[in-house]
């Protein structure tokens, strides 16, 4: 009983500390342009990959969701993430949901 009570109290104390650790799901490139939004983990490729939706402003891919390695994202000091993937590379990344065509035309 004491262990259960200690676990409940510690979770109540630690929860607010981790709540501030959440990052914005927005992905930025090196030129400080918003290039994508993180949609979540990849069900198709596993936990080391994330699904992103490129922003229409720069890539005009619509609802096309692609998968990138989680290691390609670095924390950004002002919130969000930096991507090592360029705008030109995003249309050539693998889609989360297989389609008959890719925006790259390949």
PDB file of N, CA and C in Angstrom:
ATOM      1  N   UNK A   1       0.820  -1.188   0.000  1.00  0.00           N
ATOM      2  CA  UNK A   1       0.000   0.000   0.000  1.00  0.00           C
ATOM      3  C   UNK A   1       0.868   1.258   0.000  1.00  0.00           C
ATOM      4  N   UNK A   2       1.953   1.222   0.785  1.00  0.00           N
ATOM      5  CA  UNK A   2       2.842   2.383   0.847  1.00  0.00           C
ATOM      6  C   UNK A   2       3.507   2.631  -0.507  1.00  0.00           C
ATOM      7  N   UNK A   3       3.842   1.551  -1.215  1.00  0.00           N
ATOM      8  CA  UNK A   3       4.472   1.690  -2.526  1.00  0.00           C
ATOM      9  C   UNK A   3       3.502   2.328  -3.512  1.00  0.00           C
ATOM     10  N   UNK A   4       2.248   1.896  -3.469  1.00  0.00           N
ATOM     11  CA  UNK A   4       1.237   2.454  -4.363  1.00  0.00           C
ATOM     12  C   UNK A   4       1.023   3.932  -4.083  1.00  0.00           C
ATOM     13  N   UNK A   5       0.955   4.281  -2.801  1.00  0.00           N
ATOM     14  CA  UNK A   5       0.777   5.684  -2.415  1.00  0.00           C
ATOM     15  C   UNK A   5       1.979   6.521  -2.860  1.00  0.00           C
ATOM     16  N   UNK A   6       3.187   5.995  -2.704  1.00  0.00           N
ATOM     17  CA  UNK A   6       4.396   6.708  -3.123  1.00  0.00           C
ATOM     18  C   UNK A   6       4.410   6.906  -4.634  1.00  0.00           C
ATOM     19  N   UNK A   7       3.956   5.898  -5.385  1.00  0.00           N
ATOM     20  CA  UNK A   7       3.919   6.010  -6.844  1.00  0.00           C
ATOM     21  C   UNK A   7       2.931   7.071  -7.293  1.00  0.00           C
ATOM     22  N   UNK A   8       1.776   7.131  -6.652  1.00  0.00           N
ATOM     23  CA  UNK A   8       0.767   8.134  -7.005  1.00  0.00           C
ATOM     24  C   UNK A   8       1.274   9.532  -6.694  1.00  0.00           C
ATOM     25  N   UNK A   9       1.886   9.716  -5.536  1.00  0.00           N
ATOM     26  CA  UNK A   9       2.395  11.036  -5.147  1.00  0.00           C
ATOM     27  C   UNK A   9       3.526  11.470  -6.077  1.00  0.00           C
ATOM     28  N   UNK A  10       4.448  10.566  -6.389  1.00  0.00           N
ATOM     29  CA  UNK A  10       5.563  10.941  -7.266  1.00  0.00           C
ATOM     30  C   UNK A  10       5.077  11.263  -8.677  1.00  0.00           C
ATOM     31  N   UNK A  11       4.045  10.552  -9.159  1.00  0.00           N
ATOM     32  CA  UNK A  11       3.530  10.867 -10.492  1.00  0.00           C
ATOM     33  C   UNK A  11       2.846  12.228 -10.502  1.00  0.00           C
ATOM     34  N   UNK A  12       2.201  12.606  -9.426  1.00  0.00           N
ATOM     35  CA  UNK A  12       1.560  13.926  -9.347  1.00  0.00           C
ATOM     36  C   UNK A  12       2.594  15.036  -9.305  1.00  0.00           C
ATOM     37  N   UNK A  13       3.724  14.756  -8.651  1.00  0.00           N
ATOM     38  CA  UNK A  13       4.776  15.773  -8.547  1.00  0.00           C
ATOM     39  C   UNK A  13       5.541  15.894  -9.860  1.00  0.00           C
ATOM     40  N   UNK A  14       5.836  14.778 -10.521  1.00  0.00           N
ATOM     41  CA  UNK A  14       6.656  14.798 -11.728  1.00  0.00           C
ATOM     42  C   UNK A  14       5.883  15.200 -12.976  1.00  0.00           C
ATOM     43  N   UNK A  15       4.587  15.025 -13.021  1.00  0.00           N
ATOM     44  CA  UNK A  15       3.809  15.337 -14.213  1.00  0.00           C
ATOM     45  C   UNK A  15       3.943  16.789 -14.647  1.00  0.00           C
ATOM     46  N   UNK A  16       3.818  17.788 -13.751  1.00  0.00           N
ATOM     47  CA  UNK A  16       3.997  19.173 -14.209  1.00  0.00           C
ATOM     48  C   UNK A  16       5.402  19.461 -14.719  1.00  0.00           C
ATOM     49  N   UNK A  17       6.415  18.780 -14.183  1.00  0.00           N
ATOM     50  CA  UNK A  17       7.787  19.009 -14.640  1.00  0.00           C
ATOM     51  C   UNK A  17       7.959  18.571 -16.091  1.00  0.00           C
ATOM     52  N   UNK A  18       7.357  17.456 -16.474  1.00  0.00           N
ATOM     53  CA  UNK A  18       7.483  16.966 -17.837  1.00  0.00           C
ATOM     54  C   UNK A  18       6.521  17.650 -18.789  1.00  0.00           C
ATOM     55  N   UNK A  19       5.473  18.268 -18.280  1.00  0.00           N
ATOM     56  CA  UNK A  19       4.507  18.947 -19.147  1.00  0.00           C
ATOM     57  C   UNK A  19       5.168  20.096 -19.904  1.00  0.00           C
ATOM     58  N   UNK A  20       6.165  20.741 -19.300  1.00  0.00           N
ATOM     59  CA  UNK A  20       6.866  21.837 -19.955  1.00  0.00           C
ATOM     60  C   UNK A  20       7.835  21.372 -21.023  1.00  0.00           C
ATOM     61  N   UNK A  21       8.099  20.067 -21.088  1.00  0.00           N
ATOM     62  CA  UNK A  21       9.049  19.521 -22.039  1.00  0.00           C
ATOM     63  C   UNK A  21       8.452  19.283 -23.419  1.00  0.00           C
ATOM     64  N   UNK A  22       7.153  19.445 -23.567  1.00  0.00           N
ATOM     65  CA  UNK A  22       6.544  19.216 -24.872  1.00  0.00           C
ATOM     66  C   UNK A  22       7.048  20.236 -25.876  1.00  0.00           C
ATOM     67  N   UNK A  23       7.324  19.761 -27.065  1.00  0.00           N
ATOM     68  CA  UNK A  23       7.786  20.631 -28.141  1.00  0.00           C
ATOM     69  C   UNK A  23       6.692  20.797 -29.165  1.00  0.00           C
ATOM     70  N   UNK A  24       6.775  21.883 -29.869  1.00  0.00           N
ATOM     71  CA  UNK A  24       5.864  22.117 -30.973  1.00  0.00           C
ATOM     72  C   UNK A  24       6.137  21.073 -32.058  1.00  0.00           C
ATOM     73  N   UNK A  25       5.111  20.607 -32.768  1.00  0.00           N
ATOM     74  CA  UNK A  25       5.336  19.619 -33.818  1.00  0.00           C
ATOM     75  C   UNK A  25       5.822  20.211 -35.136  1.00  0.00           C
ATOM     76  N   UNK A  26       6.088  21.502 -35.164  1.00  0.00           N
ATOM     77  CA  UNK A  26       6.503  22.166 -36.406  1.00  0.00           C
ATOM     78  C   UNK A  26       7.978  21.886 -36.701  1.00  0.00           C
ATOM     79  N   UNK A  27       8.274  21.567 -37.952  1.00  0.00           N
ATOM     80  CA  UNK A  27       9.639  21.289 -38.399  1.00  0.00           C
ATOM     81  C   UNK A  27      10.119  22.467 -39.240  1.00  0.00           C
ATOM     82  N   UNK A  28      11.309  22.956 -38.928  1.00  0.00           N
ATOM     83  CA  UNK A  28      11.908  24.104 -39.610  1.00  0.00           C
ATOM     84  C   UNK A  28      13.152  23.649 -40.347  1.00  0.00           C
ATOM     85  N   UNK A  29      13.510  24.363 -41.412  1.00  0.00           N
ATOM     86  CA  UNK A  29      14.775  24.061 -42.095  1.00  0.00           C
ATOM     87  C   UNK A  29      15.850  25.039 -41.628  1.00  0.00           C
ATOM     88  N   UNK A  30      17.034  24.932 -42.167  1.00  0.00           N
ATOM     89  CA  UNK A  30      18.154  25.775 -41.735  1.00  0.00           C
ATOM     90  C   UNK A  30      17.937  27.259 -42.052  1.00  0.00           C
ATOM     91  N   UNK A  31      17.049  27.562 -43.005  1.00  0.00           N
ATOM     92  CA  UNK A  31      16.768  28.961 -43.361  1.00  0.00           C
ATOM     93  C   UNK A  31      15.600  29.524 -42.550  1.00  0.00           C
ATOM     94  N   UNK A  32      15.200  28.802 -41.480  1.00  0.00           N
ATOM     95  CA  UNK A  32      14.109  29.216 -40.591  1.00  0.00           C
ATOM     96  C   UNK A  32      12.749  29.257 -41.294  1.00  0.00           C
ATOM     97  N   UNK A  33      12.558  28.420 -42.286  1.00  0.00           N
ATOM     98  CA  UNK A  33      11.259  28.290 -42.942  1.00  0.00           C
ATOM     99  C   UNK A  33      10.545  27.074 -42.372  1.00  0.00           C
ATOM    100  N   UNK A  34       9.247  27.201 -42.126  1.00  0.00           N
ATOM    101  CA  UNK A  34       8.454  26.067 -41.670  1.00  0.00           C
ATOM    102  C   UNK A  34       8.241  25.142 -42.861  1.00  0.00           C
ATOM    103  N   UNK A  35       8.690  23.901 -42.748  1.00  0.00           N
ATOM    104  CA  UNK A  35       8.608  22.996 -43.889  1.00  0.00           C
ATOM    105  C   UNK A  35       7.657  21.823 -43.678  1.00  0.00           C
ATOM    106  N   UNK A  36       7.330  21.492 -42.428  1.00  0.00           N
ATOM    107  CA  UNK A  36       6.468  20.338 -42.178  1.00  0.00           C
ATOM    108  C   UNK A  36       5.913  20.368 -40.768  1.00  0.00           C
ATOM    109  N   UNK A  37       4.965  19.479 -40.537  1.00  0.00           N
ATOM    110  CA  UNK A  37       4.389  19.280 -39.218  1.00  0.00           C
ATOM    111  C   UNK A  37       4.471  17.791 -38.903  1.00  0.00           C
ATOM    112  N   UNK A  38       4.933  17.469 -37.698  1.00  0.00           N
ATOM    113  CA  UNK A  38       5.031  16.073 -37.285  1.00  0.00           C
ATOM    114  C   UNK A  38       3.638  15.563 -36.954  1.00  0.00           C
ATOM    115  N   UNK A  39       3.260  14.453 -37.583  1.00  0.00           N
ATOM    116  CA  UNK A  39       1.940  13.862 -37.357  1.00  0.00           C
ATOM    117  C   UNK A  39       1.989  12.745 -36.320  1.00  0.00           C
ATOM    118  N   UNK A  40       3.153  12.172 -36.062  1.00  0.00           N
ATOM    119  CA  UNK A  40       3.282  11.095 -35.084  1.00  0.00           C
ATOM    120  C   UNK A  40       4.291  10.059 -35.532  1.00  0.00           C
ATOM    121  N   UNK A  41       4.319   8.959 -34.811  1.00  0.00           N
ATOM    122  CA  UNK A  41       5.223   7.879 -35.142  1.00  0.00           C
ATOM    123  C   UNK A  41       4.728   7.087 -36.343  1.00  0.00           C
ATOM    124  N   UNK A  42       5.636   6.412 -36.994  1.00  0.00           N
ATOM    125  CA  UNK A  42       5.289   5.630 -38.175  1.00  0.00           C
ATOM    126  C   UNK A  42       4.848   4.231 -37.789  1.00  0.00           C
ATOM    127  N   UNK A  43       3.657   3.853 -38.197  1.00  0.00           N
ATOM    128  CA  UNK A  43       3.185   2.486 -37.971  1.00  0.00           C
ATOM    129  C   UNK A  43       3.813   1.537 -38.979  1.00  0.00           C
ATOM    130  N   UNK A  44       4.121   2.037 -40.147  1.00  0.00           N
ATOM    131  CA  UNK A  44       4.651   1.204 -41.224  1.00  0.00           C
ATOM    132  C   UNK A  44       6.137   0.876 -41.055  1.00  0.00           C
ATOM    133  N   UNK A  45       6.934   1.855 -40.584  1.00  0.00           N
ATOM    134  CA  UNK A  45       8.379   1.681 -40.520  1.00  0.00           C
ATOM    135  C   UNK A  45       8.929   1.492 -39.108  1.00  0.00           C
ATOM    136  N   UNK A  46       8.131   1.717 -38.082  1.00  0.00           N
ATOM    137  CA  UNK A  46       8.566   1.469 -36.711  1.00  0.00           C
ATOM    138  C   UNK A  46       8.875   2.723 -35.918  1.00  0.00           C
ATOM    139  N   UNK A  47       9.346   2.528 -34.678  1.00  0.00           N
ATOM    140  CA  UNK A  47       9.516   3.639 -33.745  1.00  0.00           C
ATOM    141  C   UNK A  47      10.668   4.594 -34.053  1.00  0.00           C
ATOM    142  N   UNK A  48      11.588   4.216 -34.923  1.00  0.00           N
ATOM    143  CA  UNK A  48      12.717   5.095 -35.237  1.00  0.00           C
ATOM    144  C   UNK A  48      12.400   6.076 -36.359  1.00  0.00           C
ATOM    145  N   UNK A  49      11.155   6.100 -36.799  1.00  0.00           N
ATOM    146  CA  UNK A  49      10.739   6.973 -37.891  1.00  0.00           C
ATOM    147  C   UNK A  49       9.509   7.779 -37.477  1.00  0.00           C
ATOM    148  N   UNK A  50       9.399   8.991 -38.006  1.00  0.00           N
ATOM    149  CA  UNK A  50       8.231   9.823 -37.746  1.00  0.00           C
ATOM    150  C   UNK A  50       7.552  10.190 -39.066  1.00  0.00           C
ATOM    151  N   UNK A  51       6.251  10.398 -38.976  1.00  0.00           N
ATOM    152  CA  UNK A  51       5.462  10.794 -40.139  1.00  0.00           C
ATOM    153  C   UNK A  51       5.342  12.313 -40.110  1.00  0.00           C
ATOM    154  N   UNK A  52       5.673  12.950 -41.236  1.00  0.00           N
ATOM    155  CA  UNK A  52       5.522  14.398 -41.326  1.00  0.00           C
ATOM    156  C   UNK A  52       4.616  14.732 -42.511  1.00  0.00           C
ATOM    157  N   UNK A  53       3.937  15.858 -42.378  1.00  0.00           N
ATOM    158  CA  UNK A  53       3.140  16.371 -43.493  1.00  0.00           C
ATOM    159  C   UNK A  53       3.795  17.671 -43.945  1.00  0.00           C
ATOM    160  N   UNK A  54       4.343  17.703 -45.144  1.00  0.00           N
ATOM    161  CA  UNK A  54       4.973  18.922 -45.646  1.00  0.00           C
ATOM    162  C   UNK A  54       3.961  20.068 -45.718  1.00  0.00           C
ATOM    163  N   UNK A  55       4.429  21.280 -45.447  1.00  0.00           N
ATOM    164  CA  UNK A  55       3.536  22.435 -45.500  1.00  0.00           C
ATOM    165  C   UNK A  55       3.244  22.792 -46.954  1.00  0.00           C
ATOM    166  N   UNK A  56       2.041  23.226 -47.195  1.00  0.00           N
ATOM    167  CA  UNK A  56       1.620  23.556 -48.552  1.00  0.00           C
ATOM    168  C   UNK A  56       2.337  24.802 -49.068  1.00  0.00           C
ATOM    169  N   UNK A  57       2.685  25.710 -48.168  1.00  0.00           N
ATOM    170  CA  UNK A  57       3.311  26.967 -48.571  1.00  0.00           C
ATOM    171  C   UNK A  57       4.604  26.748 -49.361  1.00  0.00           C
ATOM    172  N   UNK A  58       5.401  25.775 -48.933  1.00  0.00           N
ATOM    173  CA  UNK A  58       6.694  25.569 -49.585  1.00  0.00           C
ATOM    174  C   UNK A  58       6.708  24.410 -50.565  1.00  0.00           C
ATOM    175  N   UNK A  59       5.915  23.383 -50.308  1.00  0.00           N
ATOM    176  CA  UNK A  59       6.046  22.179 -51.108  1.00  0.00           C
ATOM    177  C   UNK A  59       4.801  21.836 -51.908  1.00  0.00           C
ATOM    178  N   UNK A  60       3.649  22.366 -51.522  1.00  0.00           N
ATOM    179  CA  UNK A  60       2.392  22.159 -52.235  1.00  0.00           C
ATOM    180  C   UNK A  60       2.114  20.681 -52.519  1.00  0.00           C
ATOM    181  N   UNK A  61       2.301  19.851 -51.483  1.00  0.00           N
ATOM    182  CA  UNK A  61       2.042  18.428 -51.629  1.00  0.00           C
ATOM    183  C   UNK A  61       0.689  18.026 -51.061  1.00  0.00           C
ATOM    184  N   UNK A  62      -0.057  18.959 -50.534  1.00  0.00           N
ATOM    185  CA  UNK A  62      -1.371  18.642 -49.994  1.00  0.00           C
ATOM    186  C   UNK A  62      -1.304  17.768 -48.760  1.00  0.00           C
ATOM    187  N   UNK A  63      -2.107  16.727 -48.710  1.00  0.00           N
ATOM    188  CA  UNK A  63      -2.190  15.839 -47.555  1.00  0.00           C
ATOM    189  C   UNK A  63      -1.196  14.684 -47.635  1.00  0.00           C
ATOM    190  N   UNK A  64      -0.215  14.800 -48.451  1.00  0.00           N
ATOM    191  CA  UNK A  64       0.803  13.766 -48.638  1.00  0.00           C
ATOM    192  C   UNK A  64       1.665  13.677 -47.384  1.00  0.00           C
ATOM    193  N   UNK A  65       1.710  12.518 -46.747  1.00  0.00           N
ATOM    194  CA  UNK A  65       2.502  12.334 -45.539  1.00  0.00           C
ATOM    195  C   UNK A  65       3.685  11.428 -45.847  1.00  0.00           C
ATOM    196  N   UNK A  66       4.866  11.863 -45.452  1.00  0.00           N
ATOM    197  CA  UNK A  66       6.082  11.110 -45.714  1.00  0.00           C
ATOM    198  C   UNK A  66       6.741  10.708 -44.398  1.00  0.00           C
ATOM    199  N   UNK A  67       7.676   9.779 -44.484  1.00  0.00           N
ATOM    200  CA  UNK A  67       8.357   9.246 -43.315  1.00  0.00           C
ATOM    201  C   UNK A  67       9.813   9.672 -43.359  1.00  0.00           C
ATOM    202  N   UNK A  68      10.314  10.165 -42.219  1.00  0.00           N
ATOM    203  CA  UNK A  68      11.737  10.493 -42.104  1.00  0.00           C
ATOM    204  C   UNK A  68      12.281   9.845 -40.839  1.00  0.00           C
ATOM    205  N   UNK A  69      13.573   9.569 -40.801  1.00  0.00           N
ATOM    206  CA  UNK A  69      14.166   9.023 -39.578  1.00  0.00           C
ATOM    207  C   UNK A  69      14.065  10.045 -38.446  1.00  0.00           C
ATOM    208  N   UNK A  70      13.778   9.573 -37.260  1.00  0.00           N
ATOM    209  CA  UNK A  70      13.700  10.466 -36.103  1.00  0.00           C
ATOM    210  C   UNK A  70      15.046  11.150 -35.856  1.00  0.00           C
ATOM    211  N   UNK A  71      16.142  10.501 -36.234  1.00  0.00           N
ATOM    212  CA  UNK A  71      17.475  11.075 -36.053  1.00  0.00           C
ATOM    213  C   UNK A  71      17.705  12.293 -36.943  1.00  0.00           C
ATOM    214  N   UNK A  72      16.870  12.487 -37.966  1.00  0.00           N
ATOM    215  CA  UNK A  72      17.013  13.640 -38.860  1.00  0.00           C
ATOM    216  C   UNK A  72      16.435  14.904 -38.246  1.00  0.00           C
ATOM    217  N   UNK A  73      15.806  14.794 -37.088  1.00  0.00           N
ATOM    218  CA  UNK A  73      15.224  15.956 -36.411  1.00  0.00           C
ATOM    219  C   UNK A  73      16.053  16.315 -35.195  1.00  0.00           C
ATOM    220  N   UNK A  74      16.373  17.607 -35.060  1.00  0.00           N
ATOM    221  CA  UNK A  74      17.126  18.103 -33.917  1.00  0.00           C
ATOM    222  C   UNK A  74      16.279  19.151 -33.205  1.00  0.00           C
ATOM    223  N   UNK A  75      16.318  19.219 -31.873  1.00  0.00           N
ATOM    224  CA  UNK A  75      15.542  20.234 -31.154  1.00  0.00           C
ATOM    225  C   UNK A  75      15.954  21.646 -31.554  1.00  0.00           C
ATOM    226  N   UNK A  76      14.983  22.516 -31.647  1.00  0.00           N
ATOM    227  CA  UNK A  76      15.207  23.924 -31.998  1.00  0.00           C
ATOM    228  C   UNK A  76      15.070  24.753 -30.734  1.00  0.00           C
ATOM    229  N   UNK A  77      15.966  25.698 -30.523  1.00  0.00           N
ATOM    230  CA  UNK A  77      15.982  26.485 -29.284  1.00  0.00           C
ATOM    231  C   UNK A  77      14.674  27.244 -29.059  1.00  0.00           C
ATOM    232  N   UNK A  78      14.044  27.711 -30.111  1.00  0.00           N
ATOM    233  CA  UNK A  78      12.804  28.481 -29.970  1.00  0.00           C
ATOM    234  C   UNK A  78      11.556  27.611 -30.103  1.00  0.00           C
ATOM    235  N   UNK A  79      11.697  26.333 -29.908  1.00  0.00           N
ATOM    236  CA  UNK A  79      10.573  25.411 -29.995  1.00  0.00           C
ATOM    237  C   UNK A  79      10.510  24.764 -31.362  1.00  0.00           C
ATOM    238  N   UNK A  80       9.928  23.596 -31.404  1.00  0.00           N
ATOM    239  CA  UNK A  80       9.851  22.870 -32.661  1.00  0.00           C
ATOM    240  C   UNK A  80      11.119  22.082 -32.918  1.00  0.00           C
ATOM    241  N   UNK A  81      11.359  21.788 -34.177  1.00  0.00           N
ATOM    242  CA  UNK A  81      12.469  20.924 -34.578  1.00  0.00           C
ATOM    243  C   UNK A  81      13.148  21.464 -35.825  1.00  0.00           C
ATOM    244  N   UNK A  82      14.439  21.190 -35.943  1.00  0.00           N
ATOM    245  CA  UNK A  82      15.177  21.448 -37.172  1.00  0.00           C
ATOM    246  C   UNK A  82      15.249  20.141 -37.962  1.00  0.00           C
ATOM    247  N   UNK A  83      15.190  20.247 -39.275  1.00  0.00           N
ATOM    248  CA  UNK A  83      15.308  19.071 -40.123  1.00  0.00           C
ATOM    249  C   UNK A  83      16.569  19.160 -40.958  1.00  0.00           C
ATOM    250  N   UNK A  84      17.258  18.029 -41.065  1.00  0.00           N
ATOM    251  CA  UNK A  84      18.430  17.952 -41.929  1.00  0.00           C
ATOM    252  C   UNK A  84      18.013  17.651 -43.364  1.00  0.00           C
ATOM    253  N   UNK A  85      16.727  17.378 -43.570  1.00  0.00           N
ATOM    254  CA  UNK A  85      16.193  17.061 -44.893  1.00  0.00           C
ATOM    255  C   UNK A  85      15.810  18.364 -45.588  1.00  0.00           C
ATOM    256  N   UNK A  86      16.268  18.539 -46.819  1.00  0.00           N
ATOM    257  CA  UNK A  86      15.977  19.782 -47.535  1.00  0.00           C
ATOM    258  C   UNK A  86      14.593  19.734 -48.177  1.00  0.00           C
ATOM    259  N   UNK A  87      14.110  20.894 -48.595  1.00  0.00           N
ATOM    260  CA  UNK A  87      12.816  20.975 -49.294  1.00  0.00           C
ATOM    261  C   UNK A  87      12.826  20.131 -50.564  1.00  0.00           C
ATOM    262  N   UNK A  88      13.959  20.086 -51.243  1.00  0.00           N
ATOM    263  CA  UNK A  88      14.057  19.324 -52.485  1.00  0.00           C
ATOM    264  C   UNK A  88      14.013  17.817 -52.239  1.00  0.00           C
ATOM    265  N   UNK A  89      14.408  17.377 -51.047  1.00  0.00           N
ATOM    266  CA  UNK A  89      14.428  15.949 -50.736  1.00  0.00           C
ATOM    267  C   UNK A  89      13.064  15.408 -50.312  1.00  0.00           C
ATOM    268  N   UNK A  90      12.218  16.243 -49.728  1.00  0.00           N
ATOM    269  CA  UNK A  90      10.958  15.771 -49.149  1.00  0.00           C
ATOM    270  C   UNK A  90      10.055  15.056 -50.161  1.00  0.00           C
ATOM    271  N   UNK A  91       9.876  15.540 -51.380  1.00  0.00           N
ATOM    272  CA  UNK A  91       9.005  14.799 -52.313  1.00  0.00           C
ATOM    273  C   UNK A  91       9.510  13.407 -52.669  1.00  0.00           C
ATOM    274  N   UNK A  92      10.783  13.124 -52.426  1.00  0.00           N
ATOM    275  CA  UNK A  92      11.349  11.826 -52.766  1.00  0.00           C
ATOM    276  C   UNK A  92      11.372  10.851 -51.589  1.00  0.00           C
ATOM    277  N   UNK A  93      10.907  11.275 -50.410  1.00  0.00           N
ATOM    278  CA  UNK A  93      10.868  10.399 -49.249  1.00  0.00           C
ATOM    279  C   UNK A  93       9.723   9.400 -49.398  1.00  0.00           C
ATOM    280  N   UNK A  94       9.836   8.296 -48.690  1.00  0.00           N
ATOM    281  CA  UNK A  94       8.805   7.260 -48.751  1.00  0.00           C
ATOM    282  C   UNK A  94       7.516   7.734 -48.097  1.00  0.00           C
ATOM    283  N   UNK A  95       6.372   7.427 -48.704  1.00  0.00           N
ATOM    284  CA  UNK A  95       5.098   7.806 -48.097  1.00  0.00           C
ATOM    285  C   UNK A  95       4.731   6.860 -46.959  1.00  0.00           C
ATOM    286  N   UNK A  96       3.983   7.362 -45.976  1.00  0.00           N
ATOM    287  CA  UNK A  96       3.486   6.505 -44.897  1.00  0.00           C
ATOM    288  C   UNK A  96       2.444   5.537 -45.448  1.00  0.00           C
ATOM    289  N   UNK A  97       1.562   6.027 -46.279  1.00  0.00           N
ATOM    290  CA  UNK A  97       0.551   5.190 -46.916  1.00  0.00           C
ATOM    291  C   UNK A  97       0.965   5.031 -48.380  1.00  0.00           C
ATOM    292  N   UNK A  98       1.261   3.806 -48.815  1.00  0.00           N
ATOM    293  CA  UNK A  98       1.690   3.615 -50.208  1.00  0.00           C
ATOM    294  C   UNK A  98       0.645   4.131 -51.193  1.00  0.00           C
ATOM    295  N   UNK A  99       1.109   4.798 -52.240  1.00  0.00           N
ATOM    296  CA  UNK A  99       0.237   5.363 -53.260  1.00  0.00           C
ATOM    297  C   UNK A  99       0.732   4.899 -54.621  1.00  0.00           C
ATOM    298  N   UNK A 100      -0.092   5.091 -55.631  1.00  0.00           N
ATOM    299  CA  UNK A 100       0.299   4.681 -56.975  1.00  0.00           C
ATOM    300  C   UNK A 100       1.266   5.664 -57.620  1.00  0.00           C
ATOM    301  N   UNK A 101       1.339   6.861 -57.090  1.00  0.00           N
ATOM    302  CA  UNK A 101       2.245   7.858 -57.652  1.00  0.00           C
ATOM    303  C   UNK A 101       2.838   8.644 -56.509  1.00  0.00           C
ATOM    304  N   UNK A 102       3.948   9.299 -56.792  1.00  0.00           N
ATOM    305  CA  UNK A 102       4.542  10.215 -55.841  1.00  0.00           C
ATOM    306  C   UNK A 102       4.564  11.582 -56.481  1.00  0.00           C
ATOM    307  N   UNK A 103       4.497  12.637 -55.682  1.00  0.00           N
ATOM    308  CA  UNK A 103       4.523  13.986 -56.245  1.00  0.00           C
ATOM    309  C   UNK A 103       5.771  14.267 -57.083  1.00  0.00           C
ATOM    310  N   UNK A 104       6.824  13.514 -56.833  1.00  0.00           N
ATOM    311  CA  UNK A 104       8.053  13.725 -57.588  1.00  0.00           C
ATOM    312  C   UNK A 104       7.900  13.257 -59.023  1.00  0.00           C
ATOM    313  N   UNK A 105       6.843  12.481 -59.304  1.00  0.00           N
ATOM    314  CA  UNK A 105       6.628  11.976 -60.648  1.00  0.00           C
ATOM    315  C   UNK A 105       7.321  10.657 -60.910  1.00  0.00           C
ATOM    316  N   UNK A 106       8.018  10.130 -59.919  1.00  0.00           N
ATOM    317  CA  UNK A 106       8.771   8.874 -60.077  1.00  0.00           C
ATOM    318  C   UNK A 106       7.981   7.704 -59.540  1.00  0.00           C
TER     319      UNK A 106
END
